[in-house]
Amino acid sequence: MVTPLTNSNALQQITGTIALAGAGKMGGAMLTGWLAGGLDAGRVIVIDPQPSAEISALATKGVRLNPKDAGHVDTLVVAVKPQSFREAGAALKSLVVPSTLVVSIMAGTTIASLEEVCGGAVVRAMPNTPASIGRGITVAVAANKVSATQRATADALLRATGAVEWVDDEGLMDAVTAVSGSGPAYIFLLAEELARAGVEAGLPEELATKLARATVAGSGELLHRSDLPAATLRRNVTSPGGTTAAALEVLMANDGLRPLMIRAIAAATKRSKELAK
């Protein structure tokens, strides 16, 4: 369990310097969430060889962009591409002392690898792309040496873009990556294929696309707001002998969506494990 920082605005309680390595889509979303949540921009260093115009503009708010000598930092958030980590790690290591909190959001990068390359007290986390609108969900696991205060700091930084769940077993992170990390792509594919099927059924493409997007987005919001299980919401839409029931007979058949999704999640989990090697 992680005890959140007690103030109504946890980000304002964070002390020391925070370095963000990698300000792409996910790193940039986190940075935006931190500043919107009240984190002092003067505490933040951004390290990115090719920052976007939006990130560069944050320098006017006090964020330090690519300083020549950043010195040691209290917290390092690593949001670079996993393939670039080994190369970038040497430069990042100069920022870290044993007491530095290192929070990684890189897929497939283990705590052991982070400790080897960067050092510090490591929290490994896996967010997802809805973080860009503050509706992400992140799963995190902390190394044994991470203190309660550091866990609370990591929780506040990660919670700026959505919900956070903590686990004790790092071995779960590959399946987490497969379900929630990669999961938005599956939902977008559902919208694509729902629209394509509508066209096959005779709808104009533009109308089919609008219907599919609105249906997926609206159903997701209903699921988000409801306390009912997904299965109950599904049954509430399904009249016996009706059109929905006819479609679900196909989707819930022995060769339907369930075995397909199991194979997809297994493939993504396997790939996550491969990336860790």
C-alpha atoms as a PDB file:
ATOM      1  CA  MET A   1       0.000   0.000   0.000  1.00  0.00           C
ATOM      2  CA  VAL A   2       1.127   3.557  -0.724  1.00  0.00           C
ATOM      3  CA  THR A   3       0.075   6.381   1.582  1.00  0.00           C
ATOM      4  CA  PRO A   4      -0.620   9.410  -0.643  1.00  0.00           C
ATOM      5  CA  LEU A   5       0.767  12.797   0.313  1.00  0.00           C
ATOM      6  CA  THR A   6      -1.766  14.341   2.674  1.00  0.00           C
ATOM      7  CA  ASN A   7      -2.237  17.801   1.181  1.00  0.00           C
ATOM      8  CA  SER A   8      -5.175  18.302  -1.178  1.00  0.00           C
ATOM      9  CA  ASN A   9      -2.565  19.057  -3.831  1.00  0.00           C
ATOM     10  CA  ALA A  10       0.093  16.397  -3.474  1.00  0.00           C
ATOM     11  CA  LEU A  11       2.270  17.775  -6.266  1.00  0.00           C
ATOM     12  CA  GLN A  12       2.854  20.978  -4.328  1.00  0.00           C
ATOM     13  CA  GLN A  13       4.368  18.953  -1.481  1.00  0.00           C
ATOM     14  CA  ILE A  14       7.131  17.494  -3.624  1.00  0.00           C
ATOM     15  CA  THR A  15      10.522  18.916  -2.749  1.00  0.00           C
ATOM     16  CA  GLY A  16      13.838  18.899  -4.561  1.00  0.00           C
ATOM     17  CA  THR A  17      14.663  18.848  -8.254  1.00  0.00           C
ATOM     18  CA  ILE A  18      12.843  16.623 -10.733  1.00  0.00           C
ATOM     19  CA  ALA A  19      14.474  15.700 -14.048  1.00  0.00           C
ATOM     20  CA  LEU A  20      12.338  14.386 -16.897  1.00  0.00           C
ATOM     21  CA  ALA A  21      14.367  12.445 -19.464  1.00  0.00           C
ATOM     22  CA  GLY A  22      12.330  12.236 -22.658  1.00  0.00           C
ATOM     23  CA  ALA A  23       9.492  14.675 -23.303  1.00  0.00           C
ATOM     24  CA  GLY A  24       7.682  12.884 -26.102  1.00  0.00           C
ATOM     25  CA  LYS A  25       3.967  12.098 -26.035  1.00  0.00           C
ATOM     26  CA  MET A  26       3.920  10.293 -22.708  1.00  0.00           C
ATOM     27  CA  GLY A  27       6.660  12.301 -20.997  1.00  0.00           C
ATOM     28  CA  GLY A  28       5.127  15.521 -22.278  1.00  0.00           C
ATOM     29  CA  ALA A  29       1.691  14.486 -21.008  1.00  0.00           C
ATOM     30  CA  MET A  30       3.156  13.839 -17.576  1.00  0.00           C
ATOM     31  CA  LEU A  31       4.939  17.189 -17.532  1.00  0.00           C
ATOM     32  CA  THR A  32       1.755  19.010 -18.544  1.00  0.00           C
ATOM     33  CA  GLY A  33      -0.132  17.199 -15.786  1.00  0.00           C
ATOM     34  CA  TRP A  34       2.490  18.119 -13.185  1.00  0.00           C
ATOM     35  CA  LEU A  35       2.434  21.808 -14.012  1.00  0.00           C
ATOM     36  CA  ALA A  36      -1.363  21.917 -14.248  1.00  0.00           C
ATOM     37  CA  GLY A  37      -1.504  20.214 -10.856  1.00  0.00           C
ATOM     38  CA  GLY A  38       0.613  22.860  -9.179  1.00  0.00           C
ATOM     39  CA  LEU A  39       4.147  21.476  -9.297  1.00  0.00           C
ATOM     40  CA  ASP A  40       6.644  24.344  -9.196  1.00  0.00           C
ATOM     41  CA  ALA A  41       8.066  24.641 -12.731  1.00  0.00           C
ATOM     42  CA  GLY A  42      11.333  25.876 -11.280  1.00  0.00           C
ATOM     43  CA  ARG A  43      11.924  22.426  -9.792  1.00  0.00           C
ATOM     44  CA  VAL A  44      11.749  20.720 -13.204  1.00  0.00           C
ATOM     45  CA  ILE A  45      14.571  19.940 -15.606  1.00  0.00           C
ATOM     46  CA  VAL A  46      13.724  18.507 -19.037  1.00  0.00           C
ATOM     47  CA  ILE A  47      16.329  16.528 -20.944  1.00  0.00           C
ATOM     48  CA  ASP A  48      15.354  15.958 -24.558  1.00  0.00           C
ATOM     49  CA  PRO A  49      17.635  16.334 -27.608  1.00  0.00           C
ATOM     50  CA  GLN A  50      14.741  17.362 -29.865  1.00  0.00           C
ATOM     51  CA  PRO A  51      12.044  18.988 -27.739  1.00  0.00           C
ATOM     52  CA  SER A  52       8.778  19.969 -29.392  1.00  0.00           C
ATOM     53  CA  ALA A  53       7.752  23.601 -29.667  1.00  0.00           C
ATOM     54  CA  GLU A  54       5.236  23.019 -26.873  1.00  0.00           C
ATOM     55  CA  ILE A  55       7.925  21.688 -24.537  1.00  0.00           C
ATOM     56  CA  SER A  56      10.361  24.451 -25.468  1.00  0.00           C
ATOM     57  CA  ALA A  57       7.682  27.033 -24.669  1.00  0.00           C
ATOM     58  CA  LEU A  58       7.533  25.770 -21.087  1.00  0.00           C
ATOM     59  CA  ALA A  59      10.942  27.346 -20.497  1.00  0.00           C
ATOM     60  CA  THR A  60       9.105  30.660 -20.163  1.00  0.00           C
ATOM     61  CA  LYS A  61       7.284  29.187 -17.144  1.00  0.00           C
ATOM     62  CA  GLY A  62      10.530  28.305 -15.410  1.00  0.00           C
ATOM     63  CA  VAL A  63      11.217  24.777 -16.635  1.00  0.00           C
ATOM     64  CA  ARG A  64      14.939  24.291 -17.312  1.00  0.00           C
ATOM     65  CA  LEU A  65      15.464  22.736 -20.718  1.00  0.00           C
ATOM     66  CA  ASN A  66      18.682  20.790 -21.398  1.00  0.00           C
ATOM     67  CA  PRO A  67      20.900  22.630 -18.881  1.00  0.00           C
ATOM     68  CA  LYS A  68      24.636  22.151 -19.420  1.00  0.00           C
ATOM     69  CA  ASP A  69      25.215  21.095 -15.832  1.00  0.00           C
ATOM     70  CA  ALA A  70      22.106  19.805 -14.101  1.00  0.00           C
ATOM     71  CA  GLY A  71      24.009  18.355 -11.152  1.00  0.00           C
ATOM     72  CA  HIS A  72      22.390  15.685  -9.002  1.00  0.00           C
ATOM     73  CA  VAL A  73      18.607  15.511  -8.823  1.00  0.00           C
ATOM     74  CA  ASP A  74      16.186  14.263  -6.194  1.00  0.00           C
ATOM     75  CA  THR A  75      13.899  12.542  -8.706  1.00  0.00           C
ATOM     76  CA  LEU A  76      14.577  11.300 -12.238  1.00  0.00           C
ATOM     77  CA  VAL A  77      11.642  10.277 -14.437  1.00  0.00           C
ATOM     78  CA  VAL A  78      12.815   8.191 -17.395  1.00  0.00           C
ATOM     79  CA  ALA A  79      10.473   8.424 -20.385  1.00  0.00           C
ATOM     80  CA  VAL A  80      12.861   7.667 -23.236  1.00  0.00           C
ATOM     81  CA  LYS A  81      12.228   4.868 -25.739  1.00  0.00           C
ATOM     82  CA  PRO A  82      13.376   1.522 -24.299  1.00  0.00           C
ATOM     83  CA  GLN A  83      15.633   0.971 -27.322  1.00  0.00           C
ATOM     84  CA  SER A  84      17.461   4.222 -26.500  1.00  0.00           C
ATOM     85  CA  PHE A  85      17.836   3.600 -22.784  1.00  0.00           C
ATOM     86  CA  ARG A  86      21.267   1.977 -22.752  1.00  0.00           C
ATOM     87  CA  GLU A  87      22.682   4.791 -24.873  1.00  0.00           C
ATOM     88  CA  ALA A  88      21.006   7.524 -22.845  1.00  0.00           C
ATOM     89  CA  GLY A  89      21.729   5.835 -19.537  1.00  0.00           C
ATOM     90  CA  ALA A  90      25.341   6.995 -19.286  1.00  0.00           C
ATOM     91  CA  ALA A  91      24.283  10.644 -19.336  1.00  0.00           C
ATOM     92  CA  LEU A  92      21.406  10.017 -16.955  1.00  0.00           C
ATOM     93  CA  LYS A  93      23.639   8.259 -14.448  1.00  0.00           C
ATOM     94  CA  SER A  94      25.471  11.531 -13.802  1.00  0.00           C
ATOM     95  CA  LEU A  95      22.211  12.943 -12.394  1.00  0.00           C
ATOM     96  CA  VAL A  96      21.716  10.122  -9.913  1.00  0.00           C
ATOM     97  CA  VAL A  97      23.034   9.537  -6.408  1.00  0.00           C
ATOM     98  CA  PRO A  98      22.004   6.572  -4.232  1.00  0.00           C
ATOM     99  CA  SER A  99      19.180   8.610  -2.658  1.00  0.00           C
ATOM    100  CA  THR A 100      17.690   9.683  -6.025  1.00  0.00           C
ATOM    101  CA  LEU A 101      14.216   8.370  -6.804  1.00  0.00           C
ATOM    102  CA  VAL A 102      14.224   6.952 -10.354  1.00  0.00           C
ATOM    103  CA  VAL A 103      10.776   6.473 -11.902  1.00  0.00           C
ATOM    104  CA  SER A 104      10.718   4.632 -15.224  1.00  0.00           C
ATOM    105  CA  ILE A 105       7.761   4.430 -17.604  1.00  0.00           C
ATOM    106  CA  MET A 106       9.653   2.379 -20.214  1.00  0.00           C
ATOM    107  CA  ALA A 107       8.033  -0.851 -21.396  1.00  0.00           C
ATOM    108  CA  GLY A 108       9.950  -4.049 -20.743  1.00  0.00           C
ATOM    109  CA  THR A 109      12.730  -2.395 -18.722  1.00  0.00           C
ATOM    110  CA  THR A 110      13.271  -4.168 -15.416  1.00  0.00           C
ATOM    111  CA  ILE A 111      14.143  -2.717 -12.050  1.00  0.00           C
ATOM    112  CA  ALA A 112      17.452  -4.604 -12.202  1.00  0.00           C
ATOM    113  CA  SER A 113      18.324  -2.981 -15.549  1.00  0.00           C
ATOM    114  CA  LEU A 114      17.438   0.463 -14.234  1.00  0.00           C
ATOM    115  CA  GLU A 115      19.559  -0.064 -11.126  1.00  0.00           C
ATOM    116  CA  GLU A 116      22.468  -1.243 -13.270  1.00  0.00           C
ATOM    117  CA  VAL A 117      22.334   1.638 -15.759  1.00  0.00           C
ATOM    118  CA  CYS A 118      21.131   4.555 -13.599  1.00  0.00           C
ATOM    119  CA  GLY A 119      21.364   3.509  -9.977  1.00  0.00           C
ATOM    120  CA  GLY A 120      19.143   5.145  -7.385  1.00  0.00           C
ATOM    121  CA  ALA A 121      15.924   3.922  -5.765  1.00  0.00           C
ATOM    122  CA  VAL A 122      13.797   2.613  -8.624  1.00  0.00           C
ATOM    123  CA  VAL A 123      10.068   2.609  -9.284  1.00  0.00           C
ATOM    124  CA  ARG A 124       9.003   0.866 -12.489  1.00  0.00           C
ATOM    125  CA  ALA A 125       5.689   2.046 -13.918  1.00  0.00           C
ATOM    126  CA  MET A 126       3.519   1.380 -16.959  1.00  0.00           C
ATOM    127  CA  PRO A 127       1.080   4.164 -17.963  1.00  0.00           C
ATOM    128  CA  ASN A 128      -1.087   4.276 -21.081  1.00  0.00           C
ATOM    129  CA  THR A 129      -1.922   6.898 -23.690  1.00  0.00           C
ATOM    130  CA  PRO A 130      -5.204   8.189 -22.163  1.00  0.00           C
ATOM    131  CA  ALA A 131      -2.777   9.901 -19.780  1.00  0.00           C
ATOM    132  CA  SER A 132      -2.655  12.664 -22.404  1.00  0.00           C
ATOM    133  CA  ILE A 133      -6.206  13.671 -21.384  1.00  0.00           C
ATOM    134  CA  GLY A 134      -5.829  12.883 -17.684  1.00  0.00           C
ATOM    135  CA  ARG A 135      -7.676   9.565 -18.003  1.00  0.00           C
ATOM    136  CA  GLY A 136      -4.772   7.161 -17.989  1.00  0.00           C
ATOM    137  CA  ILE A 137      -4.147   4.284 -15.630  1.00  0.00           C
ATOM    138  CA  THR A 138      -0.670   3.419 -14.402  1.00  0.00           C
ATOM    139  CA  VAL A 139       0.568   0.322 -12.588  1.00  0.00           C
ATOM    140  CA  ALA A 140       3.732   0.718 -10.525  1.00  0.00           C
ATOM    141  CA  VAL A 141       6.105  -1.499  -8.570  1.00  0.00           C
ATOM    142  CA  ALA A 142       8.889  -0.282  -6.283  1.00  0.00           C
ATOM    143  CA  ALA A 143      12.298  -1.733  -5.501  1.00  0.00           C
ATOM    144  CA  ASN A 144      12.885  -2.708  -1.874  1.00  0.00           C
ATOM    145  CA  LYS A 145      15.146   0.282  -1.220  1.00  0.00           C
ATOM    146  CA  VAL A 146      12.439   2.815  -2.151  1.00  0.00           C
ATOM    147  CA  SER A 147      11.263   4.642   0.981  1.00  0.00           C
ATOM    148  CA  ALA A 148       7.648   5.367   1.888  1.00  0.00           C
ATOM    149  CA  THR A 149       8.213   9.044   1.130  1.00  0.00           C
ATOM    150  CA  GLN A 150       9.665   8.232  -2.271  1.00  0.00           C
ATOM    151  CA  ARG A 151       6.729   5.923  -3.073  1.00  0.00           C
ATOM    152  CA  ALA A 152       4.353   8.760  -2.199  1.00  0.00           C
ATOM    153  CA  THR A 153       6.307  11.124  -4.459  1.00  0.00           C
ATOM    154  CA  ALA A 154       6.176   8.631  -7.330  1.00  0.00           C
ATOM    155  CA  ASP A 155       2.460   8.145  -6.711  1.00  0.00           C
ATOM    156  CA  ALA A 156       1.811  11.901  -6.908  1.00  0.00           C
ATOM    157  CA  LEU A 157       3.803  12.267 -10.128  1.00  0.00           C
ATOM    158  CA  LEU A 158       2.084   9.311 -11.787  1.00  0.00           C
ATOM    159  CA  ARG A 159      -1.389  10.235 -10.511  1.00  0.00           C
ATOM    160  CA  ALA A 160      -1.186  13.596 -12.307  1.00  0.00           C
ATOM    161  CA  THR A 161      -2.304  11.815 -15.497  1.00  0.00           C
ATOM    162  CA  GLY A 162      -4.911   9.423 -14.080  1.00  0.00           C
ATOM    163  CA  ALA A 163      -5.383   6.506 -11.711  1.00  0.00           C
ATOM    164  CA  VAL A 164      -2.495   4.555 -10.166  1.00  0.00           C
ATOM    165  CA  GLU A 165      -2.402   0.956  -8.961  1.00  0.00           C
ATOM    166  CA  TRP A 166       0.575  -0.485  -7.047  1.00  0.00           C
ATOM    167  CA  VAL A 167       1.686  -4.114  -7.140  1.00  0.00           C
ATOM    168  CA  ASP A 168       4.380  -5.948  -5.179  1.00  0.00           C
ATOM    169  CA  ASP A 169       5.308  -8.498  -7.861  1.00  0.00           C
ATOM    170  CA  GLU A 170       7.360  -7.093 -10.751  1.00  0.00           C
ATOM    171  CA  GLY A 171       6.557 -10.257 -12.698  1.00  0.00           C
ATOM    172  CA  LEU A 172       3.045  -8.886 -13.255  1.00  0.00           C
ATOM    173  CA  MET A 173       4.326  -5.926 -15.282  1.00  0.00           C
ATOM    174  CA  ASP A 174       4.549  -7.801 -18.588  1.00  0.00           C
ATOM    175  CA  ALA A 175       0.852  -8.715 -18.409  1.00  0.00           C
ATOM    176  CA  VAL A 176       0.040  -5.172 -17.258  1.00  0.00           C
ATOM    177  CA  THR A 177       1.819  -3.865 -20.349  1.00  0.00           C
ATOM    178  CA  ALA A 178      -0.208  -6.237 -22.525  1.00  0.00           C
ATOM    179  CA  VAL A 179      -3.575  -5.303 -20.992  1.00  0.00           C
ATOM    180  CA  SER A 180      -3.497  -1.577 -20.175  1.00  0.00           C
ATOM    181  CA  GLY A 181      -0.251  -0.338 -21.731  1.00  0.00           C
ATOM    182  CA  SER A 182      -1.091  -1.689 -25.179  1.00  0.00           C
ATOM    183  CA  GLY A 183      -4.845  -1.830 -24.542  1.00  0.00           C
ATOM    184  CA  PRO A 184      -5.804   1.532 -26.096  1.00  0.00           C
ATOM    185  CA  ALA A 185      -4.640   0.231 -29.475  1.00  0.00           C
ATOM    186  CA  TYR A 186      -7.082  -2.669 -29.185  1.00  0.00           C
ATOM    187  CA  ILE A 187      -9.942  -0.257 -28.512  1.00  0.00           C
ATOM    188  CA  PHE A 188      -8.965   1.931 -31.472  1.00  0.00           C
ATOM    189  CA  LEU A 189      -8.868  -1.203 -33.636  1.00  0.00           C
ATOM    190  CA  LEU A 190     -12.384  -2.059 -32.417  1.00  0.00           C
ATOM    191  CA  ALA A 191     -13.571   1.357 -33.596  1.00  0.00           C
ATOM    192  CA  GLU A 192     -11.876   0.825 -36.973  1.00  0.00           C
ATOM    193  CA  GLU A 193     -13.387  -2.606 -37.508  1.00  0.00           C
ATOM    194  CA  LEU A 194     -16.835  -1.609 -36.241  1.00  0.00           C
ATOM    195  CA  ALA A 195     -16.873   1.175 -38.839  1.00  0.00           C
ATOM    196  CA  ARG A 196     -15.582  -1.158 -41.555  1.00  0.00           C
ATOM    197  CA  ALA A 197     -18.304  -3.704 -40.744  1.00  0.00           C
ATOM    198  CA  GLY A 198     -20.888  -0.933 -40.917  1.00  0.00           C
ATOM    199  CA  VAL A 199     -19.719  -0.071 -44.427  1.00  0.00           C
ATOM    200  CA  GLU A 200     -19.999  -3.751 -45.370  1.00  0.00           C
ATOM    201  CA  ALA A 201     -23.575  -3.674 -44.077  1.00  0.00           C
ATOM    202  CA  GLY A 202     -24.391  -0.756 -46.382  1.00  0.00           C
ATOM    203  CA  LEU A 203     -23.669   2.402 -44.384  1.00  0.00           C
ATOM    204  CA  PRO A 204     -21.824   5.360 -45.972  1.00  0.00           C
ATOM    205  CA  GLU A 205     -18.224   5.375 -44.732  1.00  0.00           C
ATOM    206  CA  GLU A 206     -18.450   8.776 -43.031  1.00  0.00           C
ATOM    207  CA  LEU A 207     -21.594   7.822 -41.127  1.00  0.00           C
ATOM    208  CA  ALA A 208     -20.212   4.409 -40.173  1.00  0.00           C
ATOM    209  CA  THR A 209     -17.052   6.053 -38.813  1.00  0.00           C
ATOM    210  CA  LYS A 210     -19.021   8.587 -36.768  1.00  0.00           C
ATOM    211  CA  LEU A 211     -21.282   5.888 -35.356  1.00  0.00           C
ATOM    212  CA  ALA A 212     -18.354   3.632 -34.442  1.00  0.00           C
ATOM    213  CA  ARG A 213     -16.312   6.384 -32.777  1.00  0.00           C
ATOM    214  CA  ALA A 214     -19.266   7.730 -30.790  1.00  0.00           C
ATOM    215  CA  THR A 215     -20.361   4.235 -29.746  1.00  0.00           C
ATOM    216  CA  VAL A 216     -16.918   3.197 -28.515  1.00  0.00           C
ATOM    217  CA  ALA A 217     -16.300   6.519 -26.753  1.00  0.00           C
ATOM    218  CA  GLY A 218     -19.769   6.678 -25.196  1.00  0.00           C
ATOM    219  CA  SER A 219     -19.706   3.068 -24.046  1.00  0.00           C
ATOM    220  CA  GLY A 220     -16.282   3.620 -22.491  1.00  0.00           C
ATOM    221  CA  GLU A 221     -17.575   6.649 -20.609  1.00  0.00           C
ATOM    222  CA  LEU A 222     -20.623   4.690 -19.417  1.00  0.00           C
ATOM    223  CA  LEU A 223     -18.327   1.921 -18.187  1.00  0.00           C
ATOM    224  CA  HIS A 224     -16.155   4.540 -16.469  1.00  0.00           C
ATOM    225  CA  ARG A 225     -19.065   6.159 -14.647  1.00  0.00           C
ATOM    226  CA  SER A 226     -20.927   2.978 -13.701  1.00  0.00           C
ATOM    227  CA  ASP A 227     -20.214   0.797 -10.694  1.00  0.00           C
ATOM    228  CA  LEU A 228     -21.723  -2.203 -12.487  1.00  0.00           C
ATOM    229  CA  PRO A 229     -19.500  -4.953 -13.896  1.00  0.00           C
ATOM    230  CA  ALA A 230     -18.931  -4.881 -17.655  1.00  0.00           C
ATOM    231  CA  ALA A 231     -20.846  -8.162 -17.964  1.00  0.00           C
ATOM    232  CA  THR A 232     -23.902  -6.577 -16.325  1.00  0.00           C
ATOM    233  CA  LEU A 233     -23.769  -3.570 -18.640  1.00  0.00           C
ATOM    234  CA  ARG A 234     -23.520  -5.943 -21.591  1.00  0.00           C
ATOM    235  CA  ARG A 235     -26.541  -7.921 -20.441  1.00  0.00           C
ATOM    236  CA  ASN A 236     -28.505  -4.700 -19.917  1.00  0.00           C
ATOM    237  CA  VAL A 237     -28.141  -3.923 -23.637  1.00  0.00           C
ATOM    238  CA  THR A 238     -29.050  -7.455 -24.745  1.00  0.00           C
ATOM    239  CA  SER A 239     -32.714  -8.304 -25.262  1.00  0.00           C
ATOM    240  CA  PRO A 240     -33.390 -12.054 -25.638  1.00  0.00           C
ATOM    241  CA  GLY A 241     -33.792 -12.906 -29.301  1.00  0.00           C
ATOM    242  CA  GLY A 242     -32.914  -9.374 -30.391  1.00  0.00           C
ATOM    243  CA  THR A 243     -30.290  -7.881 -32.701  1.00  0.00           C
ATOM    244  CA  THR A 244     -27.617  -7.542 -29.999  1.00  0.00           C
ATOM    245  CA  ALA A 245     -28.084 -11.171 -28.978  1.00  0.00           C
ATOM    246  CA  ALA A 246     -27.623 -12.249 -32.594  1.00  0.00           C
ATOM    247  CA  ALA A 247     -24.321 -10.390 -32.836  1.00  0.00           C
ATOM    248  CA  LEU A 248     -23.110 -11.651 -29.452  1.00  0.00           C
ATOM    249  CA  GLU A 249     -23.709 -15.249 -30.523  1.00  0.00           C
ATOM    250  CA  VAL A 250     -20.920 -14.649 -33.042  1.00  0.00           C
ATOM    251  CA  LEU A 251     -18.618 -12.652 -30.753  1.00  0.00           C
ATOM    252  CA  MET A 252     -19.040 -15.057 -27.815  1.00  0.00           C
ATOM    253  CA  ALA A 253     -18.750 -18.278 -29.801  1.00  0.00           C
ATOM    254  CA  ASN A 254     -15.963 -20.761 -29.044  1.00  0.00           C
ATOM    255  CA  ASP A 255     -13.889 -19.191 -31.823  1.00  0.00           C
ATOM    256  CA  GLY A 256     -15.015 -15.638 -31.037  1.00  0.00           C
ATOM    257  CA  LEU A 257     -13.555 -12.703 -29.155  1.00  0.00           C
ATOM    258  CA  ARG A 258     -12.439 -14.495 -25.954  1.00  0.00           C
ATOM    259  CA  PRO A 259      -9.828 -16.852 -27.470  1.00  0.00           C
ATOM    260  CA  LEU A 260      -8.700 -14.108 -29.852  1.00  0.00           C
ATOM    261  CA  MET A 261      -8.115 -11.692 -26.982  1.00  0.00           C
ATOM    262  CA  ILE A 262      -6.337 -14.350 -24.922  1.00  0.00           C
ATOM    263  CA  ARG A 263      -3.934 -14.963 -27.826  1.00  0.00           C
ATOM    264  CA  ALA A 264      -3.397 -11.232 -28.334  1.00  0.00           C
ATOM    265  CA  ILE A 265      -2.601 -10.578 -24.664  1.00  0.00           C
ATOM    266  CA  ALA A 266      -0.296 -13.606 -24.583  1.00  0.00           C
ATOM    267  CA  ALA A 267       1.597 -12.297 -27.625  1.00  0.00           C
ATOM    268  CA  ALA A 268       2.017  -8.837 -26.088  1.00  0.00           C
ATOM    269  CA  THR A 269       3.092 -10.323 -22.743  1.00  0.00           C
ATOM    270  CA  LYS A 270       5.688 -12.472 -24.501  1.00  0.00           C
ATOM    271  CA  ARG A 271       7.040  -9.485 -26.375  1.00  0.00           C
ATOM    272  CA  SER A 272       7.304  -7.455 -23.183  1.00  0.00           C
ATOM    273  CA  LYS A 273       9.393 -10.227 -21.638  1.00  0.00           C
ATOM    274  CA  GLU A 274      11.606 -10.291 -24.741  1.00  0.00           C
ATOM    275  CA  LEU A 275      12.226  -6.554 -24.479  1.00  0.00           C
ATOM    276  CA  ALA A 276      13.542  -7.074 -20.961  1.00  0.00           C
ATOM    277  CA  LYS A 277      16.371  -9.312 -22.168  1.00  0.00           C
END
